[in-house]
Amino acid sequence: MWPQYLGLPQRAGRLYAIVDVEMAASAGWTPLDLVSAYLSGGAHLIQLRAKSLSGSAFLDLACRMHDLTAAAGALLIVNDRADIARSAGAEGVHVGQDDLPPAAVRRLVGLESIVGLSSHTDEQVLQAITEPISYMAIGPVFTTATKNDAQPPIGLIGVRQAAKAAAPRALGVIGIGGITLARAREVVDAGAAGVAVISDLLVGGGPEARTRAYIARLAEVGTV
């Protein structure tokens, strides 16, 4: 039986707001201004994605971002870099299939940290539920333009299958890829614990209001 510390904190909520440094710049936002908007909108979990930054610049940004999330009582997850997550004091790290394996990440960040893993296929889902992770991101759920090398969409059926496979371990499944405000609720209705969103939070130029709209929409799950 998996230890309790491997679970995803309830205070994380259902919205995982991803701050992608390049996409933020394209939309006219600095990463810190964008995370401030998400926090003001009520987000409780922020993921920092900074694939184009040098290690030192990534660490500096992660430290400054963690100051903001900590002050707001929110959680910060660093993508890819377990070393930076640990050095910045972030609450966790998210890795992909080509990054350090979760067991190695767990040894670096400790037993109480959040560790997330991206999965895209049935085989990867079955492997993920054997790993010492806190949650599994599954996708892309829908067609996405965020990643040039994205896998084919798994659809809501894929979300249901992943959630069913993860249920015996009480492992949270997070839908990612092509998520929009109009479709966020159906992803959670399909069994996901939450949704991770990048580009659609930038729609309309008002990320704080957009974040509030997502949280309100996801709060409707389970209501008549």
C-alpha atoms as a PDB file:
ATOM      1  CA  MET A   1       0.000   0.000   0.000  1.00  0.00           C
ATOM      2  CA  TRP A   2       1.300   3.413  -0.961  1.00  0.00           C
ATOM      3  CA  PRO A   3       2.175   5.854   1.864  1.00  0.00           C
ATOM      4  CA  GLN A   4      -0.180   8.748   2.506  1.00  0.00           C
ATOM      5  CA  TYR A   5       2.419  11.349   1.570  1.00  0.00           C
ATOM      6  CA  LEU A   6       2.168  10.390  -2.085  1.00  0.00           C
ATOM      7  CA  GLY A   7      -1.276  11.934  -2.463  1.00  0.00           C
ATOM      8  CA  LEU A   8      -2.037  15.309  -4.028  1.00  0.00           C
ATOM      9  CA  PRO A   9      -3.030  17.929  -1.401  1.00  0.00           C
ATOM     10  CA  GLN A  10      -6.743  18.706  -1.425  1.00  0.00           C
ATOM     11  CA  ARG A  11      -6.020  22.422  -1.337  1.00  0.00           C
ATOM     12  CA  ALA A  12      -4.546  22.157  -4.828  1.00  0.00           C
ATOM     13  CA  GLY A  13      -8.074  22.386  -6.215  1.00  0.00           C
ATOM     14  CA  ARG A  14      -9.185  21.341  -9.693  1.00  0.00           C
ATOM     15  CA  LEU A  15      -7.353  23.954 -11.774  1.00  0.00           C
ATOM     16  CA  TYR A  16      -3.651  23.593 -12.535  1.00  0.00           C
ATOM     17  CA  ALA A  17      -2.545  26.878 -14.029  1.00  0.00           C
ATOM     18  CA  ILE A  18       0.614  26.400 -16.082  1.00  0.00           C
ATOM     19  CA  VAL A  19       2.894  29.383 -16.610  1.00  0.00           C
ATOM     20  CA  ASP A  20       4.826  28.715 -19.807  1.00  0.00           C
ATOM     21  CA  VAL A  21       7.546  31.352 -20.110  1.00  0.00           C
ATOM     22  CA  GLU A  22       7.500  31.520 -23.913  1.00  0.00           C
ATOM     23  CA  MET A  23       3.714  31.604 -24.217  1.00  0.00           C
ATOM     24  CA  ALA A  24       3.483  34.258 -21.516  1.00  0.00           C
ATOM     25  CA  ALA A  25       5.913  36.448 -23.438  1.00  0.00           C
ATOM     26  CA  SER A  26       3.969  35.936 -26.667  1.00  0.00           C
ATOM     27  CA  ALA A  27       0.829  37.126 -24.907  1.00  0.00           C
ATOM     28  CA  GLY A  28       2.616  40.175 -23.480  1.00  0.00           C
ATOM     29  CA  TRP A  29       2.989  38.932 -19.902  1.00  0.00           C
ATOM     30  CA  THR A  30       6.025  38.452 -17.709  1.00  0.00           C
ATOM     31  CA  PRO A  31       5.929  35.123 -15.858  1.00  0.00           C
ATOM     32  CA  LEU A  32       5.692  36.838 -12.475  1.00  0.00           C
ATOM     33  CA  ASP A  33       2.864  39.150 -13.530  1.00  0.00           C
ATOM     34  CA  LEU A  34       1.033  36.180 -14.986  1.00  0.00           C
ATOM     35  CA  VAL A  35       1.362  34.055 -11.859  1.00  0.00           C
ATOM     36  CA  SER A  36       0.151  37.027  -9.812  1.00  0.00           C
ATOM     37  CA  ALA A  37      -2.948  37.201 -12.011  1.00  0.00           C
ATOM     38  CA  TYR A  38      -3.618  33.480 -11.606  1.00  0.00           C
ATOM     39  CA  LEU A  39      -3.211  33.701  -7.851  1.00  0.00           C
ATOM     40  CA  SER A  40      -5.516  36.726  -7.683  1.00  0.00           C
ATOM     41  CA  GLY A  41      -8.034  34.715  -9.693  1.00  0.00           C
ATOM     42  CA  GLY A  42      -8.003  31.977  -7.070  1.00  0.00           C
ATOM     43  CA  ALA A  43      -5.598  29.367  -8.442  1.00  0.00           C
ATOM     44  CA  HIS A  44      -4.024  27.209  -5.734  1.00  0.00           C
ATOM     45  CA  LEU A  45      -1.536  25.298  -7.865  1.00  0.00           C
ATOM     46  CA  ILE A  46       0.896  26.818 -10.339  1.00  0.00           C
ATOM     47  CA  GLN A  47       3.185  24.907 -12.652  1.00  0.00           C
ATOM     48  CA  LEU A  48       6.269  26.677 -13.993  1.00  0.00           C
ATOM     49  CA  ARG A  49       7.371  25.609 -17.451  1.00  0.00           C
ATOM     50  CA  ALA A  50      10.596  27.230 -18.668  1.00  0.00           C
ATOM     51  CA  LYS A  51      12.220  25.001 -21.258  1.00  0.00           C
ATOM     52  CA  SER A  52      14.111  27.839 -22.970  1.00  0.00           C
ATOM     53  CA  LEU A  53      15.786  29.320 -19.882  1.00  0.00           C
ATOM     54  CA  SER A  54      19.284  28.608 -18.681  1.00  0.00           C
ATOM     55  CA  GLY A  55      19.619  26.768 -15.399  1.00  0.00           C
ATOM     56  CA  SER A  56      20.508  29.907 -13.438  1.00  0.00           C
ATOM     57  CA  ALA A  57      17.682  31.959 -14.953  1.00  0.00           C
ATOM     58  CA  PHE A  58      15.230  29.102 -14.352  1.00  0.00           C
ATOM     59  CA  LEU A  59      16.284  28.869 -10.695  1.00  0.00           C
ATOM     60  CA  ASP A  60      16.013  32.609 -10.161  1.00  0.00           C
ATOM     61  CA  LEU A  61      12.521  32.672 -11.664  1.00  0.00           C
ATOM     62  CA  ALA A  62      11.425  29.639  -9.641  1.00  0.00           C
ATOM     63  CA  CYS A  63      12.637  31.250  -6.399  1.00  0.00           C
ATOM     64  CA  ARG A  64      10.842  34.522  -7.130  1.00  0.00           C
ATOM     65  CA  MET A  65       7.709  32.703  -8.194  1.00  0.00           C
ATOM     66  CA  HIS A  66       7.737  30.597  -5.042  1.00  0.00           C
ATOM     67  CA  ASP A  67       7.809  33.776  -2.968  1.00  0.00           C
ATOM     68  CA  LEU A  68       4.513  34.746  -4.619  1.00  0.00           C
ATOM     69  CA  THR A  69       2.826  31.368  -4.369  1.00  0.00           C
ATOM     70  CA  ALA A  70       3.891  30.857  -0.754  1.00  0.00           C
ATOM     71  CA  ALA A  71       2.524  34.265   0.235  1.00  0.00           C
ATOM     72  CA  ALA A  72      -0.799  33.292  -1.357  1.00  0.00           C
ATOM     73  CA  GLY A  73      -0.888  29.881   0.311  1.00  0.00           C
ATOM     74  CA  ALA A  74      -0.599  28.180  -3.078  1.00  0.00           C
ATOM     75  CA  LEU A  75       1.588  25.339  -4.360  1.00  0.00           C
ATOM     76  CA  LEU A  76       4.372  25.622  -6.925  1.00  0.00           C
ATOM     77  CA  ILE A  77       5.309  22.740  -9.204  1.00  0.00           C
ATOM     78  CA  VAL A  78       8.467  23.025 -11.320  1.00  0.00           C
ATOM     79  CA  ASN A  79       8.439  21.237 -14.664  1.00  0.00           C
ATOM     80  CA  ASP A  80      11.289  18.887 -15.606  1.00  0.00           C
ATOM     81  CA  ARG A  81      13.940  20.022 -13.115  1.00  0.00           C
ATOM     82  CA  ALA A  82      13.910  18.258  -9.764  1.00  0.00           C
ATOM     83  CA  ASP A  83      17.128  20.038  -8.747  1.00  0.00           C
ATOM     84  CA  ILE A  84      15.599  23.455  -9.342  1.00  0.00           C
ATOM     85  CA  ALA A  85      12.380  22.497  -7.572  1.00  0.00           C
ATOM     86  CA  ARG A  86      14.347  21.479  -4.500  1.00  0.00           C
ATOM     87  CA  SER A  87      16.657  24.501  -4.547  1.00  0.00           C
ATOM     88  CA  ALA A  88      13.742  26.921  -4.951  1.00  0.00           C
ATOM     89  CA  GLY A  89      11.741  25.334  -2.134  1.00  0.00           C
ATOM     90  CA  ALA A  90       8.910  24.446  -4.511  1.00  0.00           C
ATOM     91  CA  GLU A  91       6.312  21.993  -3.302  1.00  0.00           C
ATOM     92  CA  GLY A  92       6.889  19.625  -6.175  1.00  0.00           C
ATOM     93  CA  VAL A  93       8.147  18.719  -9.619  1.00  0.00           C
ATOM     94  CA  HIS A  94       6.486  17.427 -12.775  1.00  0.00           C
ATOM     95  CA  VAL A  95       8.360  15.170 -15.176  1.00  0.00           C
ATOM     96  CA  GLY A  96       7.707  13.699 -18.588  1.00  0.00           C
ATOM     97  CA  GLN A  97       8.486  10.342 -20.108  1.00  0.00           C
ATOM     98  CA  ASP A  98      11.969  11.464 -21.206  1.00  0.00           C
ATOM     99  CA  ASP A  99      12.976  13.105 -17.914  1.00  0.00           C
ATOM    100  CA  LEU A 100      14.359  11.541 -14.746  1.00  0.00           C
ATOM    101  CA  PRO A 101      12.251   8.543 -13.669  1.00  0.00           C
ATOM    102  CA  PRO A 102       9.903   9.226 -10.746  1.00  0.00           C
ATOM    103  CA  ALA A 103      11.859   7.039  -8.312  1.00  0.00           C
ATOM    104  CA  ALA A 104      15.005   9.086  -8.951  1.00  0.00           C
ATOM    105  CA  VAL A 105      13.023  12.314  -8.642  1.00  0.00           C
ATOM    106  CA  ARG A 106      11.564  11.129  -5.345  1.00  0.00           C
ATOM    107  CA  ARG A 107      15.066  10.517  -3.985  1.00  0.00           C
ATOM    108  CA  LEU A 108      16.042  14.077  -4.900  1.00  0.00           C
ATOM    109  CA  VAL A 109      12.999  15.977  -3.626  1.00  0.00           C
ATOM    110  CA  GLY A 110      12.051  13.814  -0.664  1.00  0.00           C
ATOM    111  CA  LEU A 111       9.042  11.895   0.522  1.00  0.00           C
ATOM    112  CA  GLU A 112       6.746  14.819   1.229  1.00  0.00           C
ATOM    113  CA  SER A 113       7.096  16.604  -2.109  1.00  0.00           C
ATOM    114  CA  ILE A 114       4.543  16.413  -4.906  1.00  0.00           C
ATOM    115  CA  VAL A 115       5.737  14.422  -7.916  1.00  0.00           C
ATOM    116  CA  GLY A 116       3.725  14.379 -11.132  1.00  0.00           C
ATOM    117  CA  LEU A 117       4.236  12.312 -14.275  1.00  0.00           C
ATOM    118  CA  SER A 118       2.939  12.801 -17.815  1.00  0.00           C
ATOM    119  CA  SER A 119       1.451   9.738 -19.529  1.00  0.00           C
ATOM    120  CA  HIS A 120       0.063   9.430 -23.043  1.00  0.00           C
ATOM    121  CA  THR A 121      -0.597   5.764 -23.799  1.00  0.00           C
ATOM    122  CA  ASP A 122      -2.221   2.776 -22.114  1.00  0.00           C
ATOM    123  CA  GLU A 123       1.203   1.270 -21.458  1.00  0.00           C
ATOM    124  CA  GLN A 124       2.469   4.477 -19.857  1.00  0.00           C
ATOM    125  CA  VAL A 125      -0.634   4.695 -17.671  1.00  0.00           C
ATOM    126  CA  LEU A 126      -0.110   1.152 -16.390  1.00  0.00           C
ATOM    127  CA  GLN A 127       3.525   1.936 -15.646  1.00  0.00           C
ATOM    128  CA  ALA A 128       2.663   5.243 -13.965  1.00  0.00           C
ATOM    129  CA  ILE A 129       0.435   3.636 -11.365  1.00  0.00           C
ATOM    130  CA  THR A 130       3.425   1.587 -10.166  1.00  0.00           C
ATOM    131  CA  GLU A 131       5.578   4.683  -9.638  1.00  0.00           C
ATOM    132  CA  PRO A 132       6.006   6.768  -6.445  1.00  0.00           C
ATOM    133  CA  ILE A 133       4.046   9.716  -7.830  1.00  0.00           C
ATOM    134  CA  SER A 134       1.422  12.046  -6.398  1.00  0.00           C
ATOM    135  CA  TYR A 135      -0.603  12.463  -9.579  1.00  0.00           C
ATOM    136  CA  MET A 136      -0.599  11.473 -13.237  1.00  0.00           C
ATOM    137  CA  ALA A 137      -1.186  13.948 -16.052  1.00  0.00           C
ATOM    138  CA  ILE A 138      -2.935  12.291 -18.988  1.00  0.00           C
ATOM    139  CA  GLY A 139      -3.203  13.707 -22.470  1.00  0.00           C
ATOM    140  CA  PRO A 140      -3.437  15.395 -24.724  1.00  0.00           C
ATOM    141  CA  VAL A 141      -7.148  15.088 -24.090  1.00  0.00           C
ATOM    142  CA  PHE A 142      -7.998  17.192 -27.125  1.00  0.00           C
ATOM    143  CA  THR A 143      -6.006  18.566 -30.054  1.00  0.00           C
ATOM    144  CA  THR A 144      -3.422  21.049 -28.804  1.00  0.00           C
ATOM    145  CA  ALA A 145      -1.068  23.528 -30.416  1.00  0.00           C
ATOM    146  CA  THR A 146       0.978  24.048 -27.253  1.00  0.00           C
ATOM    147  CA  LYS A 147       3.412  21.207 -28.014  1.00  0.00           C
ATOM    148  CA  ASN A 148       4.802  20.606 -31.480  1.00  0.00           C
ATOM    149  CA  ASP A 149       5.470  16.937 -30.683  1.00  0.00           C
ATOM    150  CA  ALA A 150       2.151  16.223 -28.988  1.00  0.00           C
ATOM    151  CA  GLN A 151       0.753  12.692 -29.076  1.00  0.00           C
ATOM    152  CA  PRO A 152      -2.644  11.986 -30.725  1.00  0.00           C
ATOM    153  CA  PRO A 153      -5.612  13.109 -28.572  1.00  0.00           C
ATOM    154  CA  ILE A 154      -6.914  10.461 -26.169  1.00  0.00           C
ATOM    155  CA  GLY A 155     -10.372  12.032 -25.799  1.00  0.00           C
ATOM    156  CA  LEU A 156     -12.699  11.638 -22.844  1.00  0.00           C
ATOM    157  CA  ILE A 157     -12.570   7.864 -23.237  1.00  0.00           C
ATOM    158  CA  GLY A 158      -8.857   7.967 -22.539  1.00  0.00           C
ATOM    159  CA  VAL A 159      -9.452  10.061 -19.430  1.00  0.00           C
ATOM    160  CA  ARG A 160     -12.041   7.567 -18.164  1.00  0.00           C
ATOM    161  CA  GLN A 161      -9.708   4.631 -18.773  1.00  0.00           C
ATOM    162  CA  ALA A 162      -6.800   6.326 -16.997  1.00  0.00           C
ATOM    163  CA  ALA A 163      -8.980   7.296 -14.030  1.00  0.00           C
ATOM    164  CA  LYS A 164     -10.274   3.736 -13.770  1.00  0.00           C
ATOM    165  CA  ALA A 165      -6.744   2.322 -13.833  1.00  0.00           C
ATOM    166  CA  ALA A 166      -5.561   4.793 -11.187  1.00  0.00           C
ATOM    167  CA  ALA A 167      -8.563   4.341  -8.872  1.00  0.00           C
ATOM    168  CA  PRO A 168      -7.214   1.351  -6.864  1.00  0.00           C
ATOM    169  CA  ARG A 169      -4.231   3.492  -5.875  1.00  0.00           C
ATOM    170  CA  ALA A 170      -6.393   6.571  -5.239  1.00  0.00           C
ATOM    171  CA  LEU A 171      -4.071   8.341  -7.659  1.00  0.00           C
ATOM    172  CA  GLY A 172      -5.318  11.645  -9.041  1.00  0.00           C
ATOM    173  CA  VAL A 173      -5.497  11.966 -12.825  1.00  0.00           C
ATOM    174  CA  ILE A 174      -5.091  15.422 -14.358  1.00  0.00           C
ATOM    175  CA  GLY A 175      -6.356  16.073 -17.870  1.00  0.00           C
ATOM    176  CA  ILE A 176      -4.075  18.194 -20.043  1.00  0.00           C
ATOM    177  CA  GLY A 177      -3.944  19.224 -23.673  1.00  0.00           C
ATOM    178  CA  GLY A 178      -6.466  21.313 -25.591  1.00  0.00           C
ATOM    179  CA  ILE A 179      -8.488  22.097 -22.456  1.00  0.00           C
ATOM    180  CA  THR A 180     -10.890  25.008 -22.859  1.00  0.00           C
ATOM    181  CA  LEU A 181     -13.340  26.663 -20.519  1.00  0.00           C
ATOM    182  CA  ALA A 182     -16.202  25.134 -22.486  1.00  0.00           C
ATOM    183  CA  ARG A 183     -14.839  21.597 -22.109  1.00  0.00           C
ATOM    184  CA  ALA A 184     -13.122  21.678 -18.700  1.00  0.00           C
ATOM    185  CA  ARG A 185     -16.090  20.365 -16.761  1.00  0.00           C
ATOM    186  CA  GLU A 186     -16.612  17.339 -19.005  1.00  0.00           C
ATOM    187  CA  VAL A 187     -12.994  16.309 -18.465  1.00  0.00           C
ATOM    188  CA  VAL A 188     -13.523  16.248 -14.699  1.00  0.00           C
ATOM    189  CA  ASP A 189     -16.904  14.568 -15.178  1.00  0.00           C
ATOM    190  CA  ALA A 190     -15.014  11.841 -17.061  1.00  0.00           C
ATOM    191  CA  GLY A 191     -13.026  11.071 -13.915  1.00  0.00           C
ATOM    192  CA  ALA A 192     -10.149  13.540 -13.848  1.00  0.00           C
ATOM    193  CA  ALA A 193      -9.295  15.131 -10.505  1.00  0.00           C
ATOM    194  CA  GLY A 194      -8.539  18.376 -12.306  1.00  0.00           C
ATOM    195  CA  VAL A 195      -7.382  20.030 -15.515  1.00  0.00           C
ATOM    196  CA  ALA A 196      -4.075  21.609 -16.446  1.00  0.00           C
ATOM    197  CA  VAL A 197      -4.395  24.652 -18.683  1.00  0.00           C
ATOM    198  CA  ILE A 198      -1.847  26.814 -20.496  1.00  0.00           C
ATOM    199  CA  SER A 199      -3.071  28.756 -23.513  1.00  0.00           C
ATOM    200  CA  ASP A 200      -6.786  28.989 -22.739  1.00  0.00           C
ATOM    201  CA  LEU A 201      -6.090  30.916 -19.539  1.00  0.00           C
ATOM    202  CA  LEU A 202      -4.648  33.648 -21.772  1.00  0.00           C
ATOM    203  CA  VAL A 203      -7.772  33.980 -23.918  1.00  0.00           C
ATOM    204  CA  GLY A 204      -9.241  37.470 -23.912  1.00  0.00           C
ATOM    205  CA  GLY A 205      -6.226  39.085 -22.279  1.00  0.00           C
ATOM    206  CA  GLY A 206      -7.678  38.811 -18.783  1.00  0.00           C
ATOM    207  CA  PRO A 207      -6.040  35.826 -17.030  1.00  0.00           C
ATOM    208  CA  GLU A 208      -7.334  36.748 -13.583  1.00  0.00           C
ATOM    209  CA  ALA A 209     -10.952  36.793 -14.771  1.00  0.00           C
ATOM    210  CA  ARG A 210     -10.364  33.688 -16.881  1.00  0.00           C
ATOM    211  CA  THR A 211      -8.995  31.848 -13.838  1.00  0.00           C
ATOM    212  CA  ARG A 212     -12.077  32.794 -11.827  1.00  0.00           C
ATOM    213  CA  ALA A 213     -14.279  31.525 -14.650  1.00  0.00           C
ATOM    214  CA  TYR A 214     -12.475  28.170 -14.685  1.00  0.00           C
ATOM    215  CA  ILE A 215     -12.751  27.750 -10.939  1.00  0.00           C
ATOM    216  CA  ALA A 216     -16.458  28.568 -11.045  1.00  0.00           C
ATOM    217  CA  ARG A 217     -17.032  26.124 -13.915  1.00  0.00           C
ATOM    218  CA  LEU A 218     -15.141  23.327 -12.181  1.00  0.00           C
ATOM    219  CA  ALA A 219     -17.033  23.956  -8.959  1.00  0.00           C
ATOM    220  CA  GLU A 220     -20.171  22.893 -10.832  1.00  0.00           C
ATOM    221  CA  VAL A 221     -18.921  19.301 -11.091  1.00  0.00           C
ATOM    222  CA  GLY A 222     -21.196  17.003  -9.153  1.00  0.00           C
ATOM    223  CA  THR A 223     -24.070  19.494  -9.099  1.00  0.00           C
ATOM    224  CA  VAL A 224     -27.385  18.985 -10.831  1.00  0.00           C
END
